């Protein structure tokens, strides 16, 4: 299971895949995978979309 953040409103959701429509802003938004952004996971946390 991953963690996803709505690029439009910032809503966070835990799911296997991002939803078609954001439950918070009720729009069809891009979701960014924010599951792991620590060095131990191999990511730097410097995703410009966050």
PDB file of N, CA and C in Angstrom:
ATOM      1  N   UNK A   1       0.849  -1.179   0.000  1.00  0.00           N
ATOM      2  CA  UNK A   1       0.000   0.000   0.000  1.00  0.00           C
ATOM      3  C   UNK A   1       0.892   1.238   0.000  1.00  0.00           C
ATOM      4  N   UNK A   2       0.513   2.224  -0.770  1.00  0.00           N
ATOM      5  CA  UNK A   2       1.291   3.445  -0.865  1.00  0.00           C
ATOM      6  C   UNK A   2       0.545   4.637  -0.313  1.00  0.00           C
ATOM      7  N   UNK A   3       1.239   5.760  -0.284  1.00  0.00           N
ATOM      8  CA  UNK A   3       0.635   7.020   0.152  1.00  0.00           C
ATOM      9  C   UNK A   3       0.644   7.964  -1.035  1.00  0.00           C
ATOM     10  N   UNK A   4      -0.477   8.595  -1.279  1.00  0.00           N
ATOM     11  CA  UNK A   4      -0.644   9.469  -2.435  1.00  0.00           C
ATOM     12  C   UNK A   4      -1.102  10.846  -1.987  1.00  0.00           C
ATOM     13  N   UNK A   5      -0.613  11.888  -2.661  1.00  0.00           N
ATOM     14  CA  UNK A   5      -0.977  13.272  -2.340  1.00  0.00           C
ATOM     15  C   UNK A   5      -1.555  13.934  -3.587  1.00  0.00           C
ATOM     16  N   UNK A   6      -2.721  14.543  -3.415  1.00  0.00           N
ATOM     17  CA  UNK A   6      -3.365  15.265  -4.507  1.00  0.00           C
ATOM     18  C   UNK A   6      -2.558  16.524  -4.815  1.00  0.00           C
ATOM     19  N   UNK A   7      -2.179  16.682  -6.071  1.00  0.00           N
ATOM     20  CA  UNK A   7      -1.383  17.846  -6.465  1.00  0.00           C
ATOM     21  C   UNK A   7      -2.209  19.132  -6.416  1.00  0.00           C
ATOM     22  N   UNK A   8      -3.514  19.004  -6.516  1.00  0.00           N
ATOM     23  CA  UNK A   8      -4.400  20.168  -6.534  1.00  0.00           C
ATOM     24  C   UNK A   8      -4.653  20.741  -5.134  1.00  0.00           C
ATOM     25  N   UNK A   9      -5.069  19.888  -4.186  1.00  0.00           N
ATOM     26  CA  UNK A   9      -5.473  20.401  -2.869  1.00  0.00           C
ATOM     27  C   UNK A   9      -4.589  19.910  -1.716  1.00  0.00           C
ATOM     28  N   UNK A  10      -3.710  18.922  -1.976  1.00  0.00           N
ATOM     29  CA  UNK A  10      -2.818  18.436  -0.928  1.00  0.00           C
ATOM     30  C   UNK A  10      -3.372  17.298  -0.095  1.00  0.00           C
ATOM     31  N   UNK A  11      -4.533  16.780  -0.450  1.00  0.00           N
ATOM     32  CA  UNK A  11      -5.160  15.674   0.285  1.00  0.00           C
ATOM     33  C   UNK A  11      -4.274  14.434   0.207  1.00  0.00           C
ATOM     34  N   UNK A  12      -4.066  13.754   1.337  1.00  0.00           N
ATOM     35  CA  UNK A  12      -3.272  12.526   1.397  1.00  0.00           C
ATOM     36  C   UNK A  12      -4.183  11.327   1.584  1.00  0.00           C
ATOM     37  N   UNK A  13      -3.852  10.231   0.884  1.00  0.00           N
ATOM     38  CA  UNK A  13      -4.643   9.011   0.977  1.00  0.00           C
ATOM     39  C   UNK A  13      -3.709   7.808   0.925  1.00  0.00           C
ATOM     40  N   UNK A  14      -4.044   6.776   1.697  1.00  0.00           N
ATOM     41  CA  UNK A  14      -3.294   5.520   1.659  1.00  0.00           C
ATOM     42  C   UNK A  14      -4.109   4.536   0.835  1.00  0.00           C
ATOM     43  N   UNK A  15      -3.508   4.040  -0.244  1.00  0.00           N
ATOM     44  CA  UNK A  15      -4.188   3.106  -1.139  1.00  0.00           C
ATOM     45  C   UNK A  15      -3.160   2.399  -2.009  1.00  0.00           C
ATOM     46  N   UNK A  16      -3.580   1.316  -2.658  1.00  0.00           N
ATOM     47  CA  UNK A  16      -2.691   0.602  -3.565  1.00  0.00           C
ATOM     48  C   UNK A  16      -2.403   1.426  -4.817  1.00  0.00           C
ATOM     49  N   UNK A  17      -3.380   2.214  -5.239  1.00  0.00           N
ATOM     50  CA  UNK A  17      -3.251   3.070  -6.416  1.00  0.00           C
ATOM     51  C   UNK A  17      -4.043   4.353  -6.159  1.00  0.00           C
ATOM     52  N   UNK A  18      -3.674   5.447  -6.808  1.00  0.00           N
ATOM     53  CA  UNK A  18      -4.412   6.687  -6.590  1.00  0.00           C
ATOM     54  C   UNK A  18      -5.826   6.586  -7.152  1.00  0.00           C
ATOM     55  N   UNK A  19      -6.772   7.292  -6.549  1.00  0.00           N
ATOM     56  CA  UNK A  19      -8.152   7.249  -7.039  1.00  0.00           C
ATOM     57  C   UNK A  19      -8.303   8.024  -8.350  1.00  0.00           C
ATOM     58  N   UNK A  20      -9.378   7.742  -9.065  1.00  0.00           N
ATOM     59  CA  UNK A  20      -9.672   8.463 -10.310  1.00  0.00           C
ATOM     60  C   UNK A  20      -9.985   9.930 -10.023  1.00  0.00           C
ATOM     61  N   UNK A  21     -10.702  10.154  -8.907  1.00  0.00           N
ATOM     62  CA  UNK A  21     -11.137  11.492  -8.525  1.00  0.00           C
ATOM     63  C   UNK A  21     -10.773  11.719  -7.068  1.00  0.00           C
ATOM     64  N   UNK A  22     -10.276  12.904  -6.741  1.00  0.00           N
ATOM     65  CA  UNK A  22      -9.883  13.218  -5.365  1.00  0.00           C
ATOM     66  C   UNK A  22     -11.119  13.276  -4.467  1.00  0.00           C
ATOM     67  N   UNK A  23     -11.104  12.543  -3.346  1.00  0.00           N
ATOM     68  CA  UNK A  23     -12.243  12.567  -2.428  1.00  0.00           C
ATOM     69  C   UNK A  23     -12.434  13.919  -1.736  1.00  0.00           C
ATOM     70  N   UNK A  24     -11.378  14.719  -1.652  1.00  0.00           N
ATOM     71  CA  UNK A  24     -11.470  15.999  -0.942  1.00  0.00           C
ATOM     72  C   UNK A  24     -11.965  17.135  -1.835  1.00  0.00           C
ATOM     73  N   UNK A  25     -11.340  17.313  -2.997  1.00  0.00           N
ATOM     74  CA  UNK A  25     -11.718  18.443  -3.847  1.00  0.00           C
ATOM     75  C   UNK A  25     -12.660  18.031  -4.982  1.00  0.00           C
ATOM     76  N   UNK A  26     -12.932  16.731  -5.095  1.00  0.00           N
ATOM     77  CA  UNK A  26     -13.889  16.190  -6.060  1.00  0.00           C
ATOM     78  C   UNK A  26     -13.532  16.518  -7.509  1.00  0.00           C
ATOM     79  N   UNK A  27     -12.202  16.595  -7.789  1.00  0.00           N
ATOM     80  CA  UNK A  27     -11.722  16.852  -9.140  1.00  0.00           C
ATOM     81  C   UNK A  27     -10.870  15.677  -9.599  1.00  0.00           C
ATOM     82  N   UNK A  28     -10.686  15.572 -10.890  1.00  0.00           N
ATOM     83  CA  UNK A  28      -9.795  14.555 -11.439  1.00  0.00           C
ATOM     84  C   UNK A  28      -8.401  15.175 -11.443  1.00  0.00           C
ATOM     85  N   UNK A  29      -7.600  14.833 -10.431  1.00  0.00           N
ATOM     86  CA  UNK A  29      -6.307  15.464 -10.216  1.00  0.00           C
ATOM     87  C   UNK A  29      -5.166  14.478 -10.397  1.00  0.00           C
ATOM     88  N   UNK A  30      -3.960  15.019 -10.529  1.00  0.00           N
ATOM     89  CA  UNK A  30      -2.763  14.188 -10.534  1.00  0.00           C
ATOM     90  C   UNK A  30      -2.417  13.873  -9.086  1.00  0.00           C
ATOM     91  N   UNK A  31      -2.074  12.622  -8.796  1.00  0.00           N
ATOM     92  CA  UNK A  31      -1.643  12.220  -7.470  1.00  0.00           C
ATOM     93  C   UNK A  31      -0.166  11.881  -7.517  1.00  0.00           C
ATOM     94  N   UNK A  32       0.581  12.353  -6.526  1.00  0.00           N
ATOM     95  CA  UNK A  32       2.010  12.117  -6.428  1.00  0.00           C
ATOM     96  C   UNK A  32       2.252  11.050  -5.371  1.00  0.00           C
ATOM     97  N   UNK A  33       3.100  10.077  -5.695  1.00  0.00           N
ATOM     98  CA  UNK A  33       3.431   9.004  -4.756  1.00  0.00           C
ATOM     99  C   UNK A  33       4.383   9.543  -3.698  1.00  0.00           C
ATOM    100  N   UNK A  34       3.918   9.624  -2.453  1.00  0.00           N
ATOM    101  CA  UNK A  34       4.733  10.139  -1.352  1.00  0.00           C
ATOM    102  C   UNK A  34       5.054   9.042  -0.341  1.00  0.00           C
ATOM    103  N   UNK A  35       5.070   7.791  -0.804  1.00  0.00           N
ATOM    104  CA  UNK A  35       5.251   6.656   0.086  1.00  0.00           C
ATOM    105  C   UNK A  35       6.521   6.742   0.903  1.00  0.00           C
ATOM    106  N   UNK A  36       7.635   7.028   0.282  1.00  0.00           N
ATOM    107  CA  UNK A  36       8.901   7.030   1.014  1.00  0.00           C
ATOM    108  C   UNK A  36       9.855   8.065   0.447  1.00  0.00           C
ATOM    109  N   UNK A  37      10.099   9.105   1.196  1.00  0.00           N
ATOM    110  CA  UNK A  37      11.033  10.130   0.776  1.00  0.00           C
ATOM    111  C   UNK A  37      12.111  10.352   1.833  1.00  0.00           C
ATOM    112  N   UNK A  38      12.695   9.259   2.300  1.00  0.00           N
ATOM    113  CA  UNK A  38      13.816   9.349   3.224  1.00  0.00           C
ATOM    114  C   UNK A  38      15.000   8.633   2.590  1.00  0.00           C
ATOM    115  N   UNK A  39      16.228   9.021   2.917  1.00  0.00           N
ATOM    116  CA  UNK A  39      17.410   8.402   2.300  1.00  0.00           C
ATOM    117  C   UNK A  39      17.463   6.881   2.432  1.00  0.00           C
ATOM    118  N   UNK A  40      16.939   6.314   3.511  1.00  0.00           N
ATOM    119  CA  UNK A  40      16.957   4.866   3.690  1.00  0.00           C
ATOM    120  C   UNK A  40      16.192   4.141   2.589  1.00  0.00           C
ATOM    121  N   UNK A  41      15.244   4.812   1.983  1.00  0.00           N
ATOM    122  CA  UNK A  41      14.440   4.212   0.911  1.00  0.00           C
ATOM    123  C   UNK A  41      15.035   4.494  -0.466  1.00  0.00           C
ATOM    124  N   UNK A  42      16.133   5.227  -0.509  1.00  0.00           N
ATOM    125  CA  UNK A  42      16.770   5.534  -1.778  1.00  0.00           C
ATOM    126  C   UNK A  42      16.245   6.788  -2.453  1.00  0.00           C
ATOM    127  N   UNK A  43      15.388   7.528  -1.798  1.00  0.00           N
ATOM    128  CA  UNK A  43      14.870   8.769  -2.354  1.00  0.00           C
ATOM    129  C   UNK A  43      15.359   9.952  -1.537  1.00  0.00           C
ATOM    130  N   UNK A  44      15.448  11.105  -2.185  1.00  0.00           N
ATOM    131  CA  UNK A  44      15.967  12.285  -1.507  1.00  0.00           C
ATOM    132  C   UNK A  44      14.877  13.179  -0.942  1.00  0.00           C
ATOM    133  N   UNK A  45      13.641  12.990  -1.377  1.00  0.00           N
ATOM    134  CA  UNK A  45      12.569  13.859  -0.900  1.00  0.00           C
ATOM    135  C   UNK A  45      12.524  15.186  -1.604  1.00  0.00           C
ATOM    136  N   UNK A  46      13.216  15.313  -2.719  1.00  0.00           N
ATOM    137  CA  UNK A  46      13.263  16.582  -3.426  1.00  0.00           C
ATOM    138  C   UNK A  46      12.423  16.530  -4.691  1.00  0.00           C
ATOM    139  N   UNK A  47      11.242  16.011  -4.597  1.00  0.00           N
ATOM    140  CA  UNK A  47      10.321  15.967  -5.731  1.00  0.00           C
ATOM    141  C   UNK A  47       9.713  17.355  -5.880  1.00  0.00           C
ATOM    142  N   UNK A  48       9.936  18.033  -6.995  1.00  0.00           N
ATOM    143  CA  UNK A  48       9.439  19.408  -7.166  1.00  0.00           C
ATOM    144  C   UNK A  48       7.921  19.516  -7.161  1.00  0.00           C
ATOM    145  N   UNK A  49       7.220  18.393  -7.340  1.00  0.00           N
ATOM    146  CA  UNK A  49       5.760  18.429  -7.361  1.00  0.00           C
ATOM    147  C   UNK A  49       5.163  18.434  -5.961  1.00  0.00           C
ATOM    148  N   UNK A  50       5.965  18.182  -4.923  1.00  0.00           N
ATOM    149  CA  UNK A  50       5.426  18.098  -3.555  1.00  0.00           C
ATOM    150  C   UNK A  50       5.381  19.467  -2.912  1.00  0.00           C
TER     151      UNK A  50
END
